[in-house]
Protein backbone atom coordinates (compact mmCIF):
# COMPACT_ATOMS: atom_id res chain seq x y z
CA MET A 1 103.81 122.85 170.77
CA THR A 2 105.40 124.76 173.61
CA THR A 3 104.72 124.26 177.31
CA VAL A 4 105.07 127.17 179.73
CA PRO A 5 103.82 127.96 183.25
CA SER A 6 100.33 129.41 183.18
CA THR A 7 99.89 133.15 183.57
CA PRO A 8 96.09 133.54 183.41
CA THR A 9 94.71 136.92 182.45
CA ASP A 10 91.01 136.22 183.09
CA PRO A 11 88.96 134.40 185.77
CA SER A 12 88.74 131.23 183.68
CA GLY A 13 92.50 130.80 183.89
CA TYR A 14 93.05 131.09 180.14
CA GLY A 15 95.13 133.74 178.47
CA SER A 16 94.31 135.27 175.11
CA ALA A 17 95.92 134.39 171.79
CA THR A 18 96.64 136.80 168.97
CA PRO A 19 95.63 135.48 165.51
CA VAL A 20 98.45 135.30 162.99
CA ASN A 21 98.02 135.15 159.23
CA GLY A 22 100.56 132.85 157.59
CA GLY A 23 102.03 133.38 154.16
CA GLY A 24 103.78 131.47 151.40
CA SER A 25 102.55 128.98 148.86
CA TYR A 26 102.06 125.27 149.43
CA LEU A 27 101.13 124.52 145.82
CA ASN A 28 102.84 121.40 144.50
CA PRO A 29 101.73 119.40 141.43
CA LEU A 30 103.32 116.21 142.84
CA PRO A 31 104.66 114.76 139.56
CA SER A 32 105.42 111.04 139.36
CA VAL A 33 106.72 108.67 136.71
CA GLN A 34 106.29 104.89 136.55
CA LEU A 35 108.10 102.59 134.15
CA ARG A 36 107.24 98.92 133.71
CA TYR A 37 109.08 96.33 131.63
CA TYR A 38 107.23 93.08 130.98
CA ILE A 39 109.46 89.98 131.07
CA ASP A 40 106.94 87.13 131.10
CA GLN A 41 103.60 86.31 132.70
CA ASN A 42 105.27 85.81 136.07
CA SER A 43 107.83 88.59 136.06
CA ASP A 44 108.19 92.25 135.28
CA LEU A 45 110.45 95.13 136.28
CA ARG A 46 109.15 98.40 137.65
CA ALA A 47 110.80 101.74 138.36
CA VAL A 48 108.89 104.53 140.09
CA PHE A 49 109.77 108.15 140.80
CA GLY A 50 107.43 110.27 142.90
CA MET A 51 107.31 113.50 144.88
CA GLY A 52 105.32 114.34 147.98
CA ILE A 53 104.63 117.35 150.13
CA SER A 54 104.09 117.44 153.87
CA ARG A 55 101.43 119.89 154.94
CA PRO A 56 101.00 121.03 158.54
CA ASP A 57 97.99 119.77 160.42
CA PRO A 58 95.27 122.47 160.55
CA TYR A 59 95.38 122.24 164.35
CA ASP A 60 99.02 123.37 164.22
CA LEU A 61 98.29 126.45 162.12
CA VAL A 62 96.09 128.34 164.58
CA PRO A 63 96.89 129.91 167.94
CA TYR A 64 95.41 128.08 170.90
CA LYS A 65 95.94 127.59 174.62
CA THR A 66 94.79 124.76 176.86
CA LEU A 67 95.16 124.78 180.61
CA ASP A 68 96.29 121.71 182.58
CA GLU A 69 95.20 122.29 186.17
CA THR A 70 96.39 118.87 187.31
CA LYS A 71 99.95 120.15 187.50
CA GLN A 72 101.40 122.62 189.96
CA PRO A 73 102.07 125.25 188.89
CA ASN A 74 99.34 125.10 186.24
CA VAL A 75 100.65 124.52 182.73
CA GLU A 76 99.43 126.02 179.47
CA ASN A 77 99.90 124.15 176.20
CA ILE A 78 100.38 126.76 173.51
CA GLY A 79 100.00 126.05 169.81
CA ASN A 80 101.81 127.72 166.95
CA PRO A 81 100.85 131.41 166.93
CA ALA A 82 103.51 132.45 164.43
CA PRO A 83 103.77 129.97 161.54
CA VAL A 84 106.28 130.95 158.88
CA ALA A 85 106.10 129.92 155.25
CA GLU A 86 108.26 127.28 153.64
CA HIS A 87 111.96 126.43 153.88
CA ALA A 88 112.94 127.66 157.33
CA ASP A 89 116.72 127.20 157.32
CA ASP A 90 118.26 128.71 160.45
CA MET A 91 117.31 130.58 163.59
CA VAL A 92 118.98 132.47 166.41
CA TYR A 93 117.67 133.29 169.88
CA ASP A 94 118.17 136.52 171.82
CA ASP A 95 117.82 135.23 175.38
CA ALA A 96 118.06 138.65 177.02
CA HIS A 97 115.03 139.96 175.14
CA HIS A 98 113.15 136.68 174.57
CA MET A 99 113.26 137.08 170.80
CA LEU A 100 113.59 134.33 168.20
CA TYR A 101 114.66 135.16 164.64
CA VAL A 102 113.92 132.61 161.89
CA GLY A 103 115.14 132.80 158.30
CA HIS A 104 112.67 131.34 155.80
CA GLY A 105 111.33 131.48 152.25
CA GLY A 106 113.12 132.59 149.12
CA SER A 107 112.39 129.55 146.94
CA SER A 108 109.86 131.35 144.72
CA ALA A 109 108.14 134.67 144.11
CA ALA A 110 105.16 133.38 146.08
CA ALA A 111 107.37 132.74 149.11
CA PRO A 112 110.05 135.49 149.16
CA GLY A 113 112.97 135.46 151.55
CA LYS A 114 112.19 136.81 155.00
CA VAL A 115 113.39 136.84 158.59
CA ALA A 116 110.62 136.36 161.15
CA ALA A 117 110.94 138.09 164.53
CA VAL A 118 108.99 136.15 167.16
CA ASP A 119 108.41 137.32 170.73
CA THR A 120 108.70 134.09 172.75
CA ALA A 121 107.25 135.69 175.89
CA SER A 122 103.88 136.26 174.23
CA PHE A 123 104.38 133.89 171.27
CA THR A 124 103.52 136.55 168.71
CA LEU A 125 105.03 137.39 165.35
CA LEU A 126 106.26 140.97 165.71
CA ALA A 127 107.77 141.35 162.23
CA ASN A 128 108.45 139.42 159.05
CA LEU A 129 111.34 141.26 157.47
CA SER A 130 111.95 141.10 153.72
CA VAL A 131 115.45 140.24 152.51
CA ALA A 132 116.87 139.94 149.00
CA ALA A 133 116.79 136.11 148.79
CA HIS A 134 116.72 132.99 150.92
CA PRO A 135 118.45 133.58 154.30
CA GLU A 136 121.11 131.01 155.12
CA ALA A 137 122.92 131.28 158.49
CA LEU A 138 121.91 133.78 161.18
CA ASP A 139 123.99 134.95 164.13
CA LEU A 140 123.53 137.33 167.02
CA ASP A 141 125.47 140.33 168.26
CA ALA A 142 124.04 140.18 171.78
CA PRO A 143 125.71 143.32 173.22
CA GLY A 144 124.76 145.40 170.18
CA ARG A 145 121.35 143.76 169.82
CA ARG A 146 121.86 143.07 166.14
CA ILE A 147 121.16 140.01 164.01
CA PHE A 148 123.24 139.10 160.99
CA ALA A 149 121.77 137.07 158.12
CA ASN A 150 123.75 135.56 155.24
CA ILE A 151 121.86 136.16 151.98
CA ALA A 152 123.87 133.79 149.80
CA ASP A 153 122.18 134.32 146.42
CA ALA A 154 122.58 138.08 146.76
CA GLY A 155 126.16 137.91 148.03
CA GLU A 156 125.41 140.09 151.03
CA VAL A 157 124.90 140.16 154.79
CA ALA A 158 121.65 141.71 156.02
CA VAL A 159 121.92 143.48 159.38
CA ILE A 160 118.82 143.62 161.56
CA ASP A 161 118.31 146.00 164.48
CA GLY A 162 116.79 143.91 167.25
CA ALA A 163 115.45 146.96 169.08
CA THR A 164 113.29 148.09 166.15
CA ASN A 165 113.05 144.76 164.29
CA SER A 166 114.07 146.37 161.03
CA VAL A 167 116.77 145.77 158.41
CA VAL A 168 119.26 148.60 158.82
CA ALA A 169 122.11 147.62 156.49
CA HIS A 170 123.08 145.45 153.53
CA TRP A 171 126.78 144.56 153.43
CA LYS A 172 127.71 143.57 149.90
CA LEU A 173 130.64 141.16 149.63
CA ALA A 174 133.22 142.42 147.15
CA ASN A 175 135.39 139.38 146.44
CA ALA A 176 133.22 136.32 147.08
CA THR A 177 129.60 135.19 147.12
CA ASP A 178 127.41 132.21 148.00
CA ASN A 179 128.01 133.04 151.67
CA VAL A 180 126.40 130.28 153.75
CA PRO A 181 127.75 129.86 157.33
CA MET A 182 128.83 132.62 159.72
CA ALA A 183 129.94 133.26 163.30
CA TYR A 184 130.32 136.50 165.23
CA ASN A 185 133.17 137.39 167.58
CA SER A 186 131.53 139.94 169.88
CA GLY A 187 134.77 140.54 171.80
CA ARG A 188 136.63 141.89 168.78
CA HIS A 189 133.56 142.90 166.75
CA ILE A 190 134.44 140.69 163.80
CA LEU A 191 132.01 138.68 161.68
CA TYR A 192 133.42 135.53 160.08
CA VAL A 193 131.69 134.47 156.88
CA ALA A 194 132.50 131.41 154.75
CA CYS A 195 131.73 131.62 151.03
CA ARG A 196 131.52 128.89 148.40
CA THR A 197 132.30 130.98 145.30
CA PRO A 198 135.22 130.95 145.60
CA ALA A 199 135.83 128.81 148.70
CA THR A 200 136.88 131.58 151.07
CA LEU A 201 136.72 132.57 154.73
CA LEU A 202 136.19 136.30 155.23
CA ALA A 203 136.69 138.44 158.33
CA LEU A 204 134.36 141.45 158.23
CA ASP A 205 134.42 144.53 160.40
CA GLY A 206 131.42 144.18 162.69
CA ALA A 207 130.64 147.89 162.55
CA ALA A 208 130.46 148.53 158.81
CA GLY A 209 131.08 145.20 157.06
CA ALA A 210 134.42 146.08 155.50
CA GLU A 211 136.61 143.10 154.61
CA LEU A 212 139.57 142.82 156.99
CA SER A 213 141.17 139.54 155.92
CA SER A 214 140.55 136.34 153.96
CA ALA A 215 141.80 132.78 153.55
CA THR A 216 141.06 129.77 151.32
CA THR A 217 138.84 126.97 152.67
CA GLY A 218 137.58 123.61 151.47
CA GLU A 219 134.81 123.50 148.88
CA GLY A 220 131.18 123.63 149.97
CA ALA A 221 131.41 125.32 153.39
CA ASP A 222 128.22 124.67 155.35
CA ASP A 223 129.03 125.18 159.06
CA LEU A 224 131.33 127.58 160.89
CA PHE A 225 132.21 128.04 164.56
CA TYR A 226 134.26 130.53 166.54
CA ASP A 227 136.30 129.13 169.43
CA ALA A 228 136.71 132.06 171.84
CA SER A 229 139.06 130.18 174.19
CA LEU A 230 141.66 129.54 171.47
CA SER A 231 140.85 132.41 169.06
CA ARG A 232 140.18 129.93 166.30
CA VAL A 233 137.61 129.45 163.57
CA TYR A 234 136.52 126.03 162.30
CA VAL A 235 134.97 125.72 158.83
CA ILE A 236 133.19 122.46 158.00
CA SER A 237 133.06 121.76 154.26
CA GLY A 238 131.05 119.32 152.19
CA ALA A 239 134.23 118.40 150.34
CA GLY A 240 135.11 116.36 153.42
CA GLU A 241 137.30 118.46 155.67
CA VAL A 242 137.41 120.70 158.71
CA ASP A 243 139.66 123.73 158.25
CA ALA A 244 141.08 125.36 161.38
CA PHE A 245 142.25 128.98 161.40
CA ASP A 246 144.05 131.15 163.94
CA VAL A 247 142.24 134.49 164.20
CA SER A 248 144.11 135.91 167.20
CA GLY A 249 145.73 138.58 165.04
CA THR A 250 144.56 140.82 162.22
CA ALA A 251 145.17 138.24 159.49
CA ILE A 252 143.44 134.84 159.21
CA LYS A 253 146.08 132.09 159.39
CA ALA A 254 145.41 128.50 158.35
CA ILE A 255 146.72 126.08 160.97
CA GLY A 256 145.47 122.68 159.84
CA VAL A 257 143.04 120.51 157.89
CA THR A 258 141.23 117.48 159.33
CA ARG A 259 139.84 115.06 156.75
CA THR A 260 136.30 113.79 157.37
CA ALA A 261 134.21 112.35 154.50
CA PRO A 262 132.53 113.74 151.37
CA GLY A 263 129.20 115.29 152.28
CA ALA A 264 130.08 115.65 155.98
CA LYS A 265 129.07 119.29 156.22
CA THR A 266 126.93 119.48 159.38
CA ALA A 267 128.60 119.86 162.77
CA LEU A 268 128.19 121.06 166.35
CA PHE A 269 130.92 122.71 168.38
CA VAL A 270 130.70 122.23 172.17
CA PRO A 271 133.18 124.65 173.80
CA SER A 272 132.85 123.13 177.28
CA GLU A 273 134.04 119.79 175.91
CA SER A 274 136.58 121.18 173.42
CA ALA A 275 134.85 118.90 170.94
CA LEU A 276 133.57 119.22 167.40
CA TYR A 277 130.85 116.71 166.45
CA VAL A 278 130.67 116.10 162.68
CA GLY A 279 127.79 114.24 161.02
CA VAL A 280 128.92 111.85 158.28
CA PRO A 281 126.20 110.71 155.85
CA ALA A 282 125.66 107.08 154.85
CA THR A 283 127.51 106.23 151.66
CA GLY A 284 128.90 103.20 149.84
CA GLY A 285 126.96 100.79 152.02
CA LYS A 286 128.37 102.30 155.22
CA PRO A 287 125.91 103.64 157.81
CA ALA A 288 125.78 107.28 158.84
CA GLU A 289 127.90 108.18 161.84
CA ILE A 290 128.96 111.02 164.10
CA ARG A 291 132.66 111.66 164.47
CA VAL A 292 134.07 113.51 167.45
CA HIS A 293 137.15 115.68 166.93
CA SER A 294 139.01 117.24 169.84
CA THR A 295 139.80 120.93 169.47
CA ALA A 296 142.01 121.06 172.56
CA ILE A 297 145.68 121.86 172.12
CA GLN A 298 147.69 118.71 172.71
CA LYS A 299 150.61 119.14 175.09
CA GLU A 300 153.88 117.55 174.10
CA SER A 301 155.09 114.82 176.45
CA LYS A 302 158.61 115.19 177.82
């Protein structure tokens, strides 16, 4: 649910909602297996495996607006006018044009890979763009009003024109695939893409997608950030490392590896703090944790 100031369009104070038809399949047979071993009349051993599926509440699947006149200015509570199908993986927001792009689907023929274009000013689904497979990371070229989407299973980058909400290019990767995370350098018009097969960081020309440079990374890249202040790229890998690269020149240059933990593949880079927050999963009886790594250049003491 989203809360926004009321902008009534009729005397009752309520705006109008545009119906949206959702797509995708929610069919799931929910298999389960139960094993029981009888020991004696007072004891037995049981092992159970089960699967479940979470379905959205019907109230969350229809557009609606309610007006709260007790607050000043009046507030409208707006439901979900643009539900997408299953497996939404990443999204990117174009603040200048109030557009949200969400990658979803791709797990089956009934729910093909798509990128939804949602107008957040009116909360309407303007387009649901077909792509070759499940979209992984998305990133925004704000000045050029383009959206990049990593289509890992197809080994390509889909380029979306934000002005027309249409797919205008498919950049096939020549030397690597399974491209998951990405980050765009709008200043130099370079798109950085990390691939898993093989474990490689690519620098692509932001105009046509041509490969400019490459470097080896850790296995299982899942997050990637561009540090504009230092001209660096950080690749977070499930193998348990953060790889740092200098991208100030034409070539990508490896400058260091920070060890984390196996499976620590999700991170958040906060430029204002020069900090990289890395989520470490629970393992071996140890609880999950968040580790903070400084990205600032350390000055040598005299």
